[in-house]
Amino acid sequence: MSNIDVPLSVLDLAPVVAGSNPAEALNNTLLLAREVEQLGYQRFWVAEHHSMPGVASSAPAVLIAHIASVTERIRVGSGGVMLPNHAPLVIAEQFGMLEALHPGRIDLGLGRAPGTDLATTRALRRNVPSGGADDFPIQLSELIGFFEGSFPEGHPYRSVMAVPAAGYRPPIWILGSSDYGAELAGRLGLPFSFAHHFAPATTVVALERYREAFHPSAVLDEPRAMLTVSALLADTDDQAEWLAGPTRLNVLRIRTNRRGPLPSPEEAANYPYSAEELEAVHSWTGSHLVGSPATVTPRLEELLARTGADELMVTTSTHALSDRLRSFELLARLAGLPGAHPRHGTQLPRAIAAD
């Protein structure tokens, strides 16, 4: 048994793979949610991205509703909703409705980045104010005000009723990849989720800032920090490395504005990397945990010991759903999750949609 003794959760992007389509990607997300619920994972979050052909999770609230409807116990939420892309009233109404429909199972994770490029950001927001992301604390305050009906006298939204948000506020998490979100979450006494999978160099500093800034609140007595990590487990190291090839090539394509579906392992293996590209990919994916359980376990244990994280949220991207399921199964087994048990091969679950 390993020393991975914190809750495990899942972040999913509904990846669209080469030779597939968004409908299949979304159905795979529903299948994955049901499977990891049975394994004993704590949460299943989906992320907001736009104008990305390889990511189908552009509308978290819609997808969360479907995931919650096909699961029973696992918490379902956003990792996250990019609040500057939306009017706070709309988010309050959407997530208040989700909480009313699925009481005690919804999480609202909030980010401040647009989740896309500048042109798409303009299309989302119609205009991009000069304040940009610095408006985030104001938007967050308005969102909480709609949930709690707590606008003071004289506030322009004092008479606005967010139905059914009032009385149906899900837990709010602040997401971040720097110390900005960490400090804000700490000052407000909210739980904090840090994106270690793409900002590993600042993980420890951000968590320290969060804990230093933390003030107890009505929702949290002490800091609660979650790390999002990228992990891909397989039965052997060689197999895991083969399966990780598409993600590495996809990262390169995203960073060089050549976005598309997630390639196959064969396509990734045949890609003619230059020396400069190989160096860049290594720097971008160096924090990804790839290998057999024996290889990944000590790295996860070291990360937990170094950061003191209270929970791990794992994101895994593979071309085949069966390999993604297998990775989460192996991780559940090494962490001793209650629903994990040895299997001989991973059985692909039946589709949610009718045949």
Protein backbone atom coordinates (compact mmCIF):
# COMPACT_ATOMS: atom_id res chain seq x y z
CA MET A 1 0.00 0.00 0.00
CA SER A 2 1.30 3.46 -0.89
CA ASN A 3 1.29 6.61 1.23
CA ILE A 4 -1.22 8.30 -1.06
CA ASP A 5 -3.79 8.87 1.66
CA VAL A 6 -5.71 11.88 0.35
CA PRO A 7 -8.96 11.88 -1.65
CA LEU A 8 -8.53 11.47 -5.39
CA SER A 9 -10.63 13.30 -7.96
CA VAL A 10 -10.81 13.61 -11.74
CA LEU A 11 -10.54 16.55 -14.12
CA ASP A 12 -11.81 15.76 -17.61
CA LEU A 13 -11.69 17.83 -20.79
CA ALA A 14 -13.88 15.59 -22.97
CA PRO A 15 -10.98 15.10 -25.38
CA VAL A 16 -11.86 14.75 -29.05
CA VAL A 17 -9.45 12.23 -30.54
CA ALA A 18 -8.38 11.76 -34.15
CA GLY A 19 -10.99 9.74 -36.02
CA SER A 20 -13.73 10.63 -33.55
CA ASN A 21 -16.10 13.56 -32.99
CA PRO A 22 -17.41 15.74 -30.14
CA ALA A 23 -20.50 13.59 -29.59
CA GLU A 24 -18.34 10.53 -28.94
CA ALA A 25 -16.02 12.58 -26.73
CA LEU A 26 -18.90 13.78 -24.56
CA ASN A 27 -20.35 10.29 -24.29
CA ASN A 28 -16.93 9.00 -23.21
CA THR A 29 -16.88 11.62 -20.47
CA LEU A 30 -20.21 10.32 -19.16
CA LEU A 31 -18.89 6.75 -19.25
CA LEU A 32 -15.71 7.76 -17.46
CA ALA A 33 -17.65 9.57 -14.73
CA ARG A 34 -19.70 6.46 -13.97
CA GLU A 35 -16.61 4.27 -13.85
CA VAL A 36 -14.54 6.49 -11.54
CA GLU A 37 -17.55 6.87 -9.24
CA GLN A 38 -17.55 3.09 -8.80
CA LEU A 39 -13.81 3.17 -8.14
CA GLY A 40 -14.27 5.64 -5.27
CA TYR A 41 -13.06 8.96 -6.68
CA GLN A 42 -14.30 12.01 -4.78
CA ARG A 43 -15.13 14.51 -7.54
CA PHE A 44 -15.49 14.70 -11.29
CA TRP A 45 -14.85 18.15 -12.74
CA VAL A 46 -14.95 19.44 -16.31
CA ALA A 47 -13.13 22.47 -17.67
CA GLU A 48 -14.24 25.37 -19.84
CA HIS A 49 -12.24 25.79 -23.06
CA HIS A 50 -13.20 27.49 -26.30
CA SER A 51 -12.14 27.32 -29.96
CA MET A 52 -10.19 24.10 -29.37
CA PRO A 53 -11.04 21.26 -31.79
CA GLY A 54 -9.60 18.71 -29.37
CA VAL A 55 -11.70 19.74 -26.35
CA ALA A 56 -15.49 19.31 -26.24
CA SER A 57 -16.16 20.71 -22.74
CA SER A 58 -17.00 24.27 -23.79
CA ALA A 59 -20.20 24.52 -21.69
CA PRO A 60 -19.49 23.13 -18.20
CA ALA A 61 -22.96 23.74 -16.74
CA VAL A 62 -24.63 21.74 -19.51
CA LEU A 63 -22.15 18.89 -19.23
CA ILE A 64 -22.29 18.85 -15.42
CA ALA A 65 -26.07 18.42 -15.57
CA HIS A 66 -25.69 15.34 -17.76
CA ILE A 67 -22.88 13.85 -15.66
CA ALA A 68 -24.85 14.32 -12.44
CA SER A 69 -27.88 12.67 -14.02
CA VAL A 70 -25.99 9.46 -14.87
CA THR A 71 -24.11 9.20 -11.55
CA GLU A 72 -25.33 8.84 -7.98
CA ARG A 73 -22.73 9.82 -5.39
CA ILE A 74 -19.66 11.47 -6.89
CA ARG A 75 -19.46 15.25 -6.64
CA VAL A 76 -19.64 16.94 -10.05
CA GLY A 77 -18.33 20.37 -10.82
CA SER A 78 -16.36 22.83 -12.89
CA GLY A 79 -12.62 22.96 -13.02
CA GLY A 80 -13.45 25.55 -13.90
CA VAL A 81 -15.93 28.06 -15.12
CA MET A 82 -13.99 31.10 -16.39
CA LEU A 83 -15.95 33.77 -14.57
CA PRO A 84 -14.82 36.77 -16.69
CA ASN A 85 -16.49 35.09 -19.70
CA HIS A 86 -19.93 35.24 -18.07
CA ALA A 87 -22.26 37.52 -16.20
CA PRO A 88 -22.17 36.51 -12.52
CA LEU A 89 -25.98 36.42 -12.49
CA VAL A 90 -25.99 33.75 -15.21
CA ILE A 91 -23.50 31.57 -13.31
CA ALA A 92 -25.51 31.98 -10.11
CA GLU A 93 -28.68 30.88 -11.87
CA GLN A 94 -27.01 27.95 -13.64
CA PHE A 95 -25.22 26.54 -10.62
CA GLY A 96 -28.07 27.33 -8.25
CA MET A 97 -30.25 25.24 -10.53
CA LEU A 98 -27.68 22.44 -10.62
CA GLU A 99 -27.50 22.44 -6.82
CA ALA A 100 -31.30 22.41 -6.57
CA LEU A 101 -31.47 19.45 -8.95
CA HIS A 102 -28.57 17.54 -7.38
CA PRO A 103 -28.32 18.75 -3.77
CA GLY A 104 -24.99 18.26 -2.07
CA ARG A 105 -23.22 17.02 -5.21
CA ILE A 106 -22.25 20.18 -7.13
CA ASP A 107 -18.97 22.14 -6.97
CA LEU A 108 -18.37 25.53 -8.57
CA GLY A 109 -14.70 25.98 -9.43
CA LEU A 110 -13.90 29.45 -10.78
CA GLY A 111 -10.98 30.67 -12.86
CA ARG A 112 -10.04 34.10 -14.13
CA ALA A 113 -8.33 33.25 -17.43
CA PRO A 114 -10.40 33.31 -20.63
CA GLY A 115 -9.60 29.70 -21.51
CA THR A 116 -8.92 30.66 -25.12
CA ASP A 117 -7.24 33.16 -27.46
CA LEU A 118 -7.90 36.89 -27.72
CA ALA A 119 -10.18 36.74 -30.76
CA THR A 120 -12.36 34.08 -29.14
CA THR A 121 -12.36 36.07 -25.91
CA ARG A 122 -13.80 39.04 -27.80
CA ALA A 123 -16.44 36.77 -29.33
CA LEU A 124 -17.36 35.49 -25.87
CA ARG A 125 -17.50 38.82 -24.09
CA ARG A 126 -18.36 41.17 -27.01
CA ASN A 127 -15.76 43.55 -25.54
CA VAL A 128 -12.69 43.10 -23.41
CA PRO A 129 -12.52 45.84 -20.75
CA SER A 130 -9.17 47.36 -19.93
CA GLY A 131 -9.44 45.94 -16.42
CA GLY A 132 -9.41 42.41 -17.83
CA ALA A 133 -8.89 39.71 -15.24
CA ASP A 134 -8.43 42.33 -12.52
CA ASP A 135 -12.23 42.60 -12.43
CA PHE A 136 -12.35 39.06 -11.09
CA PRO A 137 -12.72 39.99 -7.37
CA ILE A 138 -15.63 42.27 -8.23
CA GLN A 139 -17.31 39.58 -10.32
CA LEU A 140 -16.77 37.03 -7.55
CA SER A 141 -18.31 39.38 -4.98
CA GLU A 142 -21.34 39.85 -7.22
CA LEU A 143 -21.68 36.10 -7.73
CA ILE A 144 -21.64 35.45 -3.99
CA GLY A 145 -24.08 38.32 -3.53
CA PHE A 146 -26.55 36.66 -5.91
CA PHE A 147 -26.24 33.34 -4.09
CA GLU A 148 -26.68 34.88 -0.66
CA GLY A 149 -29.01 37.79 -1.46
CA SER A 150 -26.53 39.96 0.40
CA PHE A 151 -26.20 43.13 -1.68
CA PRO A 152 -26.16 46.21 0.59
CA GLU A 153 -28.65 49.06 0.44
CA GLY A 154 -28.03 51.24 -2.58
CA HIS A 155 -26.32 48.52 -4.62
CA PRO A 156 -27.61 48.50 -8.22
CA TYR A 157 -28.36 44.76 -7.96
CA ARG A 158 -30.10 44.95 -4.60
CA SER A 159 -33.51 44.22 -6.17
CA VAL A 160 -32.29 41.48 -8.54
CA MET A 161 -33.31 37.96 -7.55
CA ALA A 162 -31.21 35.09 -8.84
CA VAL A 163 -33.66 32.20 -9.04
CA PRO A 164 -32.99 29.52 -7.95
CA ALA A 165 -29.55 30.59 -6.68
CA ALA A 166 -30.70 31.96 -3.30
CA GLY A 167 -30.50 29.09 -0.84
CA TYR A 168 -28.78 26.81 -3.35
CA ARG A 169 -25.14 27.85 -3.25
CA PRO A 170 -22.72 25.02 -4.05
CA PRO A 171 -19.20 25.08 -2.60
CA ILE A 172 -17.09 27.64 -4.44
CA TRP A 173 -13.46 26.82 -5.21
CA ILE A 174 -10.93 29.32 -6.52
CA LEU A 175 -8.69 27.92 -9.25
CA GLY A 176 -5.28 29.27 -10.05
CA SER A 177 -1.83 28.78 -11.50
CA SER A 178 -0.14 31.64 -9.63
CA ASP A 179 -0.18 33.28 -6.23
CA TYR A 180 -2.95 35.71 -7.32
CA GLY A 181 -5.75 33.18 -6.96
CA ALA A 182 -4.04 31.64 -3.96
CA GLU A 183 -4.05 34.88 -2.00
CA LEU A 184 -7.63 35.72 -3.00
CA ALA A 185 -8.88 32.28 -1.95
CA GLY A 186 -7.04 32.59 1.35
CA ARG A 187 -8.41 36.04 2.18
CA LEU A 188 -11.96 34.90 1.43
CA GLY A 189 -11.61 31.61 3.33
CA LEU A 190 -12.42 29.52 0.26
CA PRO A 191 -10.88 26.22 -0.88
CA PHE A 192 -8.14 26.54 -3.49
CA SER A 193 -7.23 24.30 -6.43
CA PHE A 194 -3.81 24.79 -8.02
CA ALA A 195 -2.95 23.79 -11.60
CA HIS A 196 0.28 21.91 -10.92
CA HIS A 197 -0.03 20.14 -14.28
CA PHE A 198 0.93 23.29 -16.19
CA ALA A 199 2.55 25.53 -13.57
CA PRO A 200 4.70 23.17 -11.43
CA ALA A 201 7.45 25.72 -10.80
CA THR A 202 5.16 27.89 -8.66
CA THR A 203 3.17 25.19 -6.86
CA VAL A 204 4.87 25.37 -3.46
CA VAL A 205 5.00 29.18 -3.42
CA ALA A 206 1.32 29.47 -4.32
CA LEU A 207 0.22 26.99 -1.64
CA GLU A 208 2.34 28.79 0.95
CA ARG A 209 0.76 32.10 -0.02
CA TYR A 210 -2.71 30.55 0.23
CA ARG A 211 -2.09 29.20 3.72
CA GLU A 212 -0.46 32.42 4.91
CA ALA A 213 -3.37 34.51 3.62
CA PHE A 214 -6.11 32.21 4.88
CA HIS A 215 -8.82 33.58 7.14
CA PRO A 216 -11.51 31.23 8.48
CA SER A 217 -14.90 31.81 6.94
CA ALA A 218 -18.46 30.58 7.21
CA VAL A 219 -17.64 27.80 4.75
CA LEU A 220 -14.14 26.77 5.82
CA ASP A 221 -12.37 26.68 9.19
CA GLU A 222 -8.90 25.93 7.85
CA PRO A 223 -7.15 25.94 4.46
CA ARG A 224 -8.06 23.24 1.96
CA ALA A 225 -5.72 22.93 -1.01
CA MET A 226 -6.13 20.61 -3.96
CA LEU A 227 -3.52 19.96 -6.66
CA THR A 228 -4.37 19.11 -10.25
CA VAL A 229 -1.80 16.74 -11.71
CA SER A 230 -1.45 15.06 -15.09
CA ALA A 231 -0.97 11.31 -14.70
CA LEU A 232 -1.06 8.36 -17.07
CA LEU A 233 -0.60 4.88 -15.64
CA ALA A 234 -0.31 1.62 -17.53
CA ASP A 235 0.78 -1.90 -16.68
CA THR A 236 4.36 -1.21 -17.84
CA ASP A 237 6.52 1.88 -18.21
CA ASP A 238 6.95 1.28 -21.93
CA GLN A 239 3.20 1.07 -22.48
CA ALA A 240 2.60 4.26 -20.50
CA GLU A 241 5.26 6.13 -22.49
CA TRP A 242 3.65 4.96 -25.75
CA LEU A 243 0.22 6.11 -24.59
CA ALA A 244 1.61 9.49 -23.45
CA GLY A 245 2.93 10.31 -26.92
CA PRO A 246 -0.33 11.89 -28.15
CA THR A 247 -0.53 14.26 -25.19
CA ARG A 248 3.04 15.43 -25.71
CA LEU A 249 2.47 16.08 -29.39
CA ASN A 250 -0.83 17.79 -28.61
CA VAL A 251 0.86 20.12 -26.14
CA LEU A 252 3.36 21.11 -28.81
CA ARG A 253 0.60 21.77 -31.34
CA ILE A 254 -1.42 23.87 -28.89
CA ARG A 255 1.62 25.93 -27.92
CA THR A 256 2.43 26.56 -31.60
CA ASN A 257 -1.18 27.32 -32.60
CA ARG A 258 -1.74 24.10 -34.56
CA ARG A 259 -4.76 22.91 -32.62
CA GLY A 260 -6.61 19.79 -33.59
CA PRO A 261 -7.96 16.49 -32.25
CA LEU A 262 -5.77 14.40 -29.97
CA PRO A 263 -3.52 12.34 -32.27
CA SER A 264 -3.14 8.58 -32.10
CA PRO A 265 -0.08 6.95 -30.49
CA GLU A 266 1.09 5.89 -33.95
CA GLU A 267 0.89 9.43 -35.30
CA ALA A 268 2.71 10.77 -32.27
CA ALA A 269 5.45 8.14 -32.54
CA ASN A 270 6.03 9.03 -36.20
CA TYR A 271 6.14 12.79 -35.72
CA PRO A 272 9.58 14.20 -36.75
CA TYR A 273 10.44 16.26 -33.67
CA SER A 274 13.27 18.74 -34.02
CA ALA A 275 15.77 19.03 -31.17
CA GLU A 276 14.21 22.33 -30.15
CA GLU A 277 10.70 20.85 -30.13
CA LEU A 278 11.81 17.90 -28.02
CA GLU A 279 13.38 20.24 -25.48
CA ALA A 280 10.25 22.40 -25.37
CA VAL A 281 7.91 19.42 -24.95
CA HIS A 282 10.07 18.05 -22.15
CA SER A 283 9.92 21.39 -20.32
CA TRP A 284 6.14 21.66 -20.77
CA THR A 285 5.35 18.09 -19.69
CA GLY A 286 8.11 17.40 -17.19
CA SER A 287 5.65 17.39 -14.28
CA HIS A 288 3.40 14.77 -15.93
CA LEU A 289 3.41 11.46 -14.10
CA VAL A 290 3.81 8.67 -16.64
CA GLY A 291 4.59 5.03 -15.97
CA SER A 292 3.60 1.86 -14.19
CA PRO A 293 2.20 2.09 -10.64
CA ALA A 294 5.66 1.26 -9.28
CA THR A 295 7.14 4.21 -11.17
CA VAL A 296 4.38 6.74 -10.47
CA THR A 297 3.85 5.95 -6.77
CA PRO A 298 7.07 7.47 -5.36
CA ARG A 299 6.62 10.60 -7.46
CA LEU A 300 3.09 11.09 -6.16
CA GLU A 301 4.22 10.43 -2.59
CA GLU A 302 7.01 12.99 -2.95
CA LEU A 303 4.62 15.58 -4.37
CA LEU A 304 2.20 15.14 -1.49
CA ALA A 305 4.98 15.33 1.08
CA ARG A 306 6.44 18.46 -0.52
CA THR A 307 3.16 20.34 -0.90
CA GLY A 308 0.95 19.06 1.92
CA ALA A 309 -1.98 18.96 -0.52
CA ASP A 310 -5.30 17.86 0.95
CA GLU A 311 -6.59 16.31 -2.28
CA LEU A 312 -5.31 15.33 -5.72
CA MET A 313 -7.29 15.97 -8.88
CA VAL A 314 -5.97 13.90 -11.77
CA THR A 315 -6.32 14.64 -15.46
CA THR A 316 -5.53 11.88 -17.96
CA SER A 317 -5.63 12.11 -21.72
CA THR A 318 -5.34 9.08 -23.98
CA HIS A 319 -6.50 8.27 -27.48
CA ALA A 320 -8.52 5.22 -26.41
CA LEU A 321 -11.12 5.41 -23.64
CA SER A 322 -10.13 1.93 -22.43
CA ASP A 323 -6.59 3.17 -21.72
CA ARG A 324 -7.94 6.17 -19.82
CA LEU A 325 -10.15 3.89 -17.73
CA ARG A 326 -7.23 1.57 -17.07
CA SER A 327 -5.08 4.44 -15.87
CA PHE A 328 -7.69 5.60 -13.34
CA GLU A 329 -8.23 2.01 -12.22
CA LEU A 330 -4.51 1.47 -11.55
CA LEU A 331 -4.32 4.76 -9.68
CA ALA A 332 -7.34 3.82 -7.57
CA ARG A 333 -5.76 0.50 -6.71
CA LEU A 334 -2.42 1.94 -5.60
CA ALA A 335 -4.26 4.54 -3.47
CA GLY A 336 -6.55 1.89 -1.95
CA LEU A 337 -9.80 3.52 -3.03
CA PRO A 338 -12.84 1.59 -1.77
CA GLY A 339 -14.12 0.50 -5.17
CA ALA A 340 -10.79 -0.52 -6.64
CA HIS A 341 -10.09 -4.18 -7.22
CA PRO A 342 -7.82 -6.14 -9.57
CA ARG A 343 -9.14 -6.84 -13.04
CA HIS A 344 -7.75 -8.78 -15.96
CA GLY A 345 -8.08 -6.13 -18.63
CA THR A 346 -10.39 -3.16 -18.57
CA GLN A 347 -13.90 -3.77 -19.81
CA LEU A 348 -15.24 -0.91 -21.88
CA PRO A 349 -18.64 0.16 -20.48
CA ARG A 350 -21.71 0.41 -22.65
CA ALA A 351 -22.47 3.76 -24.23
CA ILE A 352 -24.87 6.12 -22.51
CA ALA A 353 -26.65 6.97 -25.75
CA ALA A 354 -29.06 4.49 -27.30
CA ASP A 355 -27.57 2.20 -29.93
